[in-house]
Amino acid sequence: MNSNIYKRFLTDICYLTALIVFGSLGFSLIEHWPILDCLFMTVITLTTVGYDEVHHLDNNGKIYVIFLIILGSGIVLYILSDLVQLFLEINFKGKRMKDKIKKIHSHQIVCGFGRTGQEVCQHFKQNKLEFVIIESDQKRFDYACEMGYLAIFGDASNDEILALANVETASGIVCALPDDTANTFIALSARGLNDHISIVSRAANPGSESKLKRVGAKMVISPYVICGRRMASAITHPLVCQFLDVIMHSPEYDLRMEQLLIQEESSLIGSTLKHANIKQMIGVMILAVYQNGGLITNPPPEMVFECGDELIALGTDEDLGKLKNLVNKKNK
């Protein structure tokens, strides 16, 4: 359960306990009964069960029982109704989330909602990508739910948990756990359930990179290596770092870098970069092209576009949208 529901549940239990303690102390002070008899009398009074009292009540005891019934029964009824509502909310939210997860496809799966996983999810959200989080830590799982993300509680290396995340229809999975062994098992399980899934994994130790690639990881990223390179580049090439931060991570700027796949029906197929005239017609700059298993940086004007090429383009959101339509549709 998330933190808000957990707090409400604890508050209800505390109120109920305090009411029972208050009622028992009242009987003890007024009637001077044993504590067990006081507790028994308080419970049957608050629940309006209607058993005979364990001892004879004097006038003060009768007045106290009337007061306890009027005040306590209403409080007990409110607490019980709130507990039932909490139970229904938990089940409803869980069912609604499961239904949403069942309906998505071609999505991303993020394993681990730590600091790395949170950054990944934020980037996916900014780029309007559908994703599902798998988290085994209760606090981080609750936080993901509070953020409004689709999340599953469990071990991501478990085939059943991956199946709940629709791994069979997912297009990619991010193994963002700090444990290299766990990431290796997740990559192995995901590849066994989906031959075409794209796997990106975090690796803390240098020796884990080769193992992760052997089990099917497309890309392995070491946060320590990336951090070291960025810190060094911030000293040697500060403007380059600033430019990359602007186009990749700053929502206040309209300039973006995008990766686009040329589909079979695209009118770009068979055209050269010069003939397509993308920069002049659309306003997007083609920085590189992934073609025939190799990355062509600063592609020459005579380069011919082919089906399956992936373009790395730089431009505004609006212009990139025009290019996306161009790589997906034929000219009419």
Protein backbone atom coordinates (compact mmCIF):
# COMPACT_ATOMS: atom_id res chain seq x y z
CA MET A 1 0.00 0.00 0.00
CA ASN A 2 1.22 3.56 -0.65
CA SER A 3 2.19 5.94 2.14
CA ASN A 4 -1.12 7.85 2.24
CA ILE A 5 -3.19 4.68 2.61
CA TYR A 6 -0.70 3.33 5.13
CA LYS A 7 -1.00 6.51 7.22
CA ARG A 8 -4.79 6.35 7.14
CA PHE A 9 -4.71 2.72 8.21
CA LEU A 10 -2.37 3.45 11.13
CA THR A 11 -4.47 6.45 12.16
CA ASP A 12 -7.64 4.35 12.24
CA ILE A 13 -5.94 1.63 14.30
CA CYS A 14 -4.56 4.22 16.74
CA TYR A 15 -7.99 5.83 17.17
CA LEU A 16 -9.61 2.45 17.77
CA THR A 17 -6.92 1.43 20.27
CA ALA A 18 -7.18 4.77 22.10
CA LEU A 19 -10.96 4.41 22.34
CA ILE A 20 -10.71 0.90 23.82
CA VAL A 21 -8.07 2.05 26.33
CA PHE A 22 -10.20 5.06 27.27
CA GLY A 23 -13.26 2.88 27.79
CA SER A 24 -11.38 0.32 29.86
CA LEU A 25 -9.83 2.98 32.11
CA GLY A 26 -13.25 4.51 32.65
CA PHE A 27 -14.72 1.22 33.87
CA SER A 28 -11.65 0.64 36.04
CA LEU A 29 -11.91 4.05 37.72
CA ILE A 30 -15.69 4.03 38.15
CA GLU A 31 -16.43 0.38 38.91
CA HIS A 32 -13.00 -0.79 40.13
CA TRP A 33 -13.22 -4.02 38.10
CA PRO A 34 -10.30 -6.21 37.03
CA ILE A 35 -8.65 -4.99 33.84
CA LEU A 36 -9.83 -7.99 31.78
CA ASP A 37 -13.44 -7.37 32.83
CA CYS A 38 -13.05 -3.69 31.94
CA LEU A 39 -11.68 -4.58 28.52
CA PHE A 40 -14.45 -7.11 27.90
CA MET A 41 -17.15 -4.63 28.93
CA THR A 42 -15.64 -1.92 26.70
CA VAL A 43 -15.54 -4.17 23.63
CA ILE A 44 -19.13 -5.45 23.97
CA THR A 45 -20.33 -1.89 24.62
CA LEU A 46 -18.58 -0.36 21.59
CA THR A 47 -19.63 -3.19 19.28
CA THR A 48 -23.18 -3.18 20.68
CA VAL A 49 -23.10 -6.98 20.97
CA GLY A 50 -25.50 -6.90 23.90
CA TYR A 51 -24.10 -9.44 26.37
CA ASP A 52 -24.96 -8.99 30.03
CA GLU A 53 -22.38 -7.02 31.98
CA VAL A 54 -19.82 -9.04 33.89
CA HIS A 55 -20.63 -7.20 37.13
CA HIS A 56 -23.56 -5.19 38.40
CA LEU A 57 -23.42 -1.55 37.33
CA ASP A 58 -24.15 1.23 39.77
CA ASN A 59 -25.71 4.52 38.67
CA ASN A 60 -22.34 6.08 37.79
CA GLY A 61 -21.49 3.02 35.71
CA LYS A 62 -24.79 3.19 33.85
CA ILE A 63 -24.26 6.87 33.03
CA TYR A 64 -20.76 6.06 31.80
CA VAL A 65 -22.06 3.22 29.59
CA ILE A 66 -24.64 5.56 28.03
CA PHE A 67 -21.90 8.10 27.33
CA LEU A 68 -19.58 5.44 25.92
CA ILE A 69 -22.26 4.01 23.64
CA ILE A 70 -23.27 7.41 22.24
CA LEU A 71 -19.69 8.62 21.72
CA GLY A 72 -17.86 5.37 21.03
CA SER A 73 -20.29 3.60 18.71
CA GLY A 74 -20.19 6.48 16.24
CA ILE A 75 -16.40 6.55 16.29
CA VAL A 76 -16.18 2.77 15.84
CA LEU A 77 -18.63 2.92 12.93
CA TYR A 78 -16.57 5.66 11.25
CA ILE A 79 -13.31 3.75 11.74
CA LEU A 80 -14.72 0.48 10.40
CA SER A 81 -16.24 2.20 7.35
CA ASP A 82 -12.91 3.93 6.63
CA LEU A 83 -11.05 0.60 6.90
CA VAL A 84 -13.49 -0.98 4.45
CA GLN A 85 -13.01 1.97 2.09
CA LEU A 86 -9.22 1.58 2.33
CA PHE A 87 -9.52 -2.11 1.50
CA LEU A 88 -11.67 -1.33 -1.55
CA GLU A 89 -9.27 1.43 -2.70
CA ILE A 90 -6.27 -0.90 -2.49
CA ASN A 91 -8.02 -3.59 -4.51
CA PHE A 92 -9.48 -1.11 -7.02
CA LYS A 93 -6.16 0.65 -7.64
CA GLY A 94 -4.34 -2.66 -8.00
CA LYS A 95 -6.92 -4.00 -10.46
CA ARG A 96 -6.99 -0.77 -12.46
CA MET A 97 -3.19 -0.75 -12.74
CA LYS A 98 -3.12 -4.39 -13.85
CA ASP A 99 -5.76 -3.65 -16.50
CA LYS A 100 -3.71 -0.72 -17.83
CA ILE A 101 -0.55 -2.80 -18.00
CA LYS A 102 -2.36 -5.58 -19.90
CA LYS A 103 -3.43 -3.12 -22.61
CA ILE A 104 -0.04 -1.61 -23.45
CA HIS A 105 2.44 -2.99 -25.97
CA SER A 106 5.69 -1.87 -27.63
CA HIS A 107 6.52 -0.30 -24.28
CA GLN A 108 9.63 -0.08 -22.13
CA ILE A 109 10.23 -1.96 -18.88
CA VAL A 110 12.32 -0.27 -16.20
CA CYS A 111 13.75 -2.69 -13.61
CA GLY A 112 14.56 -0.78 -10.45
CA PHE A 113 13.24 2.61 -9.34
CA GLY A 114 16.35 3.89 -7.61
CA ARG A 115 18.09 7.10 -8.64
CA THR A 116 19.07 5.66 -12.02
CA GLY A 117 15.62 4.22 -12.68
CA GLN A 118 13.95 7.47 -11.69
CA GLU A 119 16.02 9.43 -14.21
CA VAL A 120 15.17 6.88 -16.90
CA CYS A 121 11.45 7.15 -16.13
CA GLN A 122 11.55 10.94 -16.13
CA HIS A 123 13.18 10.90 -19.56
CA PHE A 124 10.61 8.42 -20.87
CA LYS A 125 7.81 10.60 -19.54
CA GLN A 126 9.22 13.71 -21.22
CA ASN A 127 9.41 11.81 -24.50
CA LYS A 128 5.87 10.41 -24.03
CA LEU A 129 6.99 6.76 -24.04
CA GLU A 130 4.89 4.12 -22.34
CA PHE A 131 6.74 2.18 -19.65
CA VAL A 132 6.23 -0.17 -16.72
CA ILE A 133 8.35 -0.20 -13.56
CA ILE A 134 9.32 -3.37 -11.68
CA GLU A 135 10.48 -2.67 -8.13
CA SER A 136 11.05 -5.03 -5.18
CA ASP A 137 11.51 -2.34 -2.52
CA GLN A 138 8.18 -1.36 -0.93
CA LYS A 139 9.04 2.31 -0.35
CA ARG A 140 10.31 2.86 -3.87
CA PHE A 141 7.33 0.97 -5.28
CA ASP A 142 4.95 3.21 -3.31
CA TYR A 143 6.81 6.28 -4.54
CA ALA A 144 6.48 5.13 -8.15
CA CYS A 145 2.73 4.68 -7.65
CA GLU A 146 2.46 8.14 -6.08
CA MET A 147 4.19 9.56 -9.15
CA GLY A 148 1.42 8.07 -11.26
CA TYR A 149 3.63 5.50 -12.99
CA LEU A 150 2.55 1.98 -13.90
CA ALA A 151 4.42 -0.26 -11.49
CA ILE A 152 4.63 -3.90 -10.44
CA PHE A 153 5.93 -5.04 -7.07
CA GLY A 154 8.29 -7.98 -7.32
CA ASP A 155 11.62 -9.41 -8.45
CA ALA A 156 12.35 -8.49 -12.07
CA SER A 157 14.44 -11.63 -12.60
CA ASN A 158 11.31 -13.72 -12.02
CA ASP A 159 9.70 -14.85 -15.27
CA GLU A 160 6.21 -14.49 -13.81
CA ILE A 161 6.85 -10.86 -12.82
CA LEU A 162 8.24 -10.09 -16.27
CA ALA A 163 5.16 -11.71 -17.80
CA LEU A 164 2.95 -9.40 -15.71
CA ALA A 165 4.85 -6.48 -17.27
CA ASN A 166 3.98 -7.80 -20.76
CA VAL A 167 7.60 -8.52 -21.60
CA GLU A 168 6.47 -10.55 -24.64
CA THR A 169 5.17 -7.38 -26.33
CA ALA A 170 7.71 -4.90 -24.91
CA SER A 171 10.15 -3.19 -27.24
CA GLY A 172 12.85 -2.59 -24.63
CA ILE A 173 13.94 -3.25 -21.07
CA VAL A 174 16.26 -1.20 -18.86
CA CYS A 175 18.14 -3.11 -16.15
CA ALA A 176 18.83 -0.28 -13.69
CA LEU A 177 19.59 -2.27 -10.53
CA PRO A 178 22.90 -1.61 -8.71
CA ASP A 179 23.60 -5.36 -8.60
CA ASP A 180 25.34 -6.63 -11.77
CA THR A 181 24.33 -10.23 -11.04
CA ALA A 182 20.67 -9.28 -10.78
CA ASN A 183 20.88 -7.30 -14.02
CA THR A 184 22.46 -10.31 -15.75
CA PHE A 185 19.63 -12.60 -14.63
CA ILE A 186 17.02 -10.05 -15.75
CA ALA A 187 18.64 -9.72 -19.18
CA LEU A 188 18.81 -13.51 -19.52
CA SER A 189 15.15 -13.95 -18.52
CA ALA A 190 13.95 -11.12 -20.77
CA ARG A 191 15.83 -12.51 -23.78
CA GLY A 192 14.32 -15.94 -23.15
CA LEU A 193 10.80 -14.50 -23.13
CA ASN A 194 11.25 -12.05 -26.02
CA ASP A 195 13.83 -12.63 -28.78
CA HIS A 196 13.42 -9.13 -30.22
CA ILE A 197 13.50 -7.03 -27.06
CA SER A 198 16.19 -4.35 -26.82
CA ILE A 199 18.11 -4.69 -23.55
CA VAL A 200 20.06 -1.83 -21.96
CA SER A 201 21.79 -2.52 -18.66
CA ARG A 202 23.72 -0.72 -15.98
CA ALA A 203 27.04 -2.26 -14.93
CA ALA A 204 28.99 -1.24 -11.84
CA ASN A 205 31.99 -3.52 -12.41
CA PRO A 206 34.06 -3.47 -15.64
CA GLY A 207 34.08 -7.27 -15.87
CA SER A 208 30.27 -7.43 -15.98
CA GLU A 209 30.01 -5.70 -19.36
CA SER A 210 31.06 -8.75 -21.41
CA LYS A 211 28.76 -11.05 -19.43
CA LEU A 212 25.75 -8.80 -19.94
CA LYS A 213 26.43 -8.59 -23.67
CA ARG A 214 26.73 -12.37 -23.89
CA VAL A 215 23.26 -12.80 -22.41
CA GLY A 216 21.75 -10.36 -24.91
CA ALA A 217 22.27 -6.79 -23.69
CA LYS A 218 22.42 -4.40 -26.63
CA MET A 219 24.18 -1.71 -24.63
CA VAL A 220 25.91 -1.76 -21.24
CA ILE A 221 26.50 1.52 -19.44
CA SER A 222 28.81 2.09 -16.49
CA PRO A 223 27.69 5.13 -14.47
CA TYR A 224 31.19 5.61 -13.09
CA VAL A 225 32.78 5.67 -16.55
CA ILE A 226 30.12 8.04 -17.91
CA CYS A 227 30.45 10.31 -14.88
CA GLY A 228 34.23 10.41 -15.20
CA ARG A 229 34.09 11.24 -18.90
CA ARG A 230 31.51 13.99 -18.37
CA MET A 231 33.50 15.56 -15.56
CA ALA A 232 36.64 15.53 -17.69
CA SER A 233 34.75 16.94 -20.69
CA ALA A 234 33.27 19.67 -18.51
CA ILE A 235 36.86 20.86 -17.98
CA THR A 236 38.25 20.33 -21.47
CA HIS A 237 35.13 21.06 -23.56
CA PRO A 238 32.64 22.99 -21.38
CA LEU A 239 30.62 24.44 -24.27
CA VAL A 240 30.20 21.01 -25.85
CA CYS A 241 28.82 19.65 -22.56
CA GLN A 242 26.48 22.60 -22.23
CA PHE A 243 25.23 22.12 -25.78
CA LEU A 244 24.56 18.42 -25.23
CA ASP A 245 22.71 19.16 -22.00
CA VAL A 246 20.53 21.69 -23.82
CA ILE A 247 19.50 19.36 -26.63
CA MET A 248 19.11 16.23 -24.52
CA HIS A 249 17.91 17.28 -21.06
CA SER A 250 16.61 20.87 -21.02
CA PRO A 251 12.83 21.10 -21.59
CA GLU A 252 12.91 24.91 -21.67
CA TYR A 253 14.74 24.80 -25.04
CA ASP A 254 12.95 23.73 -28.21
CA LEU A 255 15.99 22.10 -29.80
CA ARG A 256 16.00 18.29 -29.69
CA MET A 257 18.01 15.33 -30.95
CA GLU A 258 15.93 12.41 -32.22
CA GLN A 259 16.47 8.91 -33.63
CA LEU A 260 14.10 7.95 -36.47
CA LEU A 261 13.71 4.70 -38.41
CA ILE A 262 13.01 4.81 -42.16
CA GLN A 263 9.98 2.58 -42.75
CA GLU A 264 9.22 0.52 -45.86
CA GLU A 265 6.63 3.03 -47.08
CA SER A 266 8.90 6.08 -46.75
CA SER A 267 9.44 8.31 -49.77
CA LEU A 268 13.06 8.82 -48.69
CA ILE A 269 14.03 5.31 -49.83
CA GLY A 270 16.21 5.56 -52.94
CA SER A 271 16.79 9.29 -52.55
CA THR A 272 20.16 10.83 -51.78
CA LEU A 273 20.67 13.19 -48.87
CA LYS A 274 21.22 16.03 -51.34
CA HIS A 275 18.07 15.24 -53.34
CA ALA A 276 15.92 14.89 -50.22
CA ASN A 277 16.96 18.43 -49.23
CA ILE A 278 15.85 17.82 -45.65
CA LYS A 279 17.72 20.75 -44.11
CA GLN A 280 16.24 23.32 -46.48
CA MET A 281 12.74 21.83 -46.78
CA ILE A 282 12.10 20.87 -43.15
CA GLY A 283 14.80 22.61 -41.12
CA VAL A 284 16.26 19.46 -39.59
CA MET A 285 19.95 18.63 -39.66
CA ILE A 286 20.94 14.98 -40.24
CA LEU A 287 23.91 14.38 -37.93
CA ALA A 288 24.43 10.67 -38.61
CA VAL A 289 22.87 7.64 -40.28
CA TYR A 290 22.99 4.07 -39.03
CA GLN A 291 23.14 1.99 -42.23
CA ASN A 292 24.13 -1.64 -42.89
CA GLY A 293 25.37 -2.17 -39.34
CA GLY A 294 27.59 0.91 -39.27
CA LEU A 295 27.20 4.49 -38.09
CA ILE A 296 27.92 7.11 -40.75
CA THR A 297 28.70 10.43 -39.09
CA ASN A 298 28.38 13.64 -41.10
CA PRO A 299 26.86 11.68 -44.03
CA PRO A 300 27.92 12.82 -47.53
CA PRO A 301 25.34 14.42 -49.89
CA GLU A 302 25.46 11.44 -52.28
CA MET A 303 24.51 8.92 -49.59
CA VAL A 304 21.35 6.96 -50.59
CA PHE A 305 18.68 6.29 -47.99
CA GLU A 306 17.60 2.67 -47.57
CA CYS A 307 14.75 0.93 -45.77
CA GLY A 308 15.75 0.29 -42.17
CA ASP A 309 18.19 3.18 -41.94
CA GLU A 310 18.11 5.05 -38.65
CA LEU A 311 18.56 8.80 -38.77
CA ILE A 312 20.03 10.86 -35.96
CA ALA A 313 18.54 14.31 -36.47
CA LEU A 314 18.72 17.69 -34.76
CA GLY A 315 15.87 20.19 -34.84
CA THR A 316 12.83 21.62 -33.10
CA ASP A 317 9.94 19.44 -31.96
CA GLU A 318 7.78 20.73 -34.80
CA ASP A 319 10.41 20.10 -37.48
CA LEU A 320 11.25 16.67 -36.08
CA GLY A 321 7.56 15.84 -36.29
CA LYS A 322 7.62 16.69 -40.00
CA LEU A 323 10.64 14.45 -40.52
CA LYS A 324 8.90 11.64 -38.63
CA ASN A 325 6.00 11.85 -41.07
CA LEU A 326 8.45 11.83 -43.97
CA VAL A 327 10.22 8.65 -42.88
CA ASN A 328 6.88 6.89 -42.37
CA LYS A 329 4.85 7.92 -45.43
CA LYS A 330 5.07 8.00 -49.17
CA ASN A 331 4.55 11.13 -51.19
CA LYS A 332 1.03 11.30 -52.57
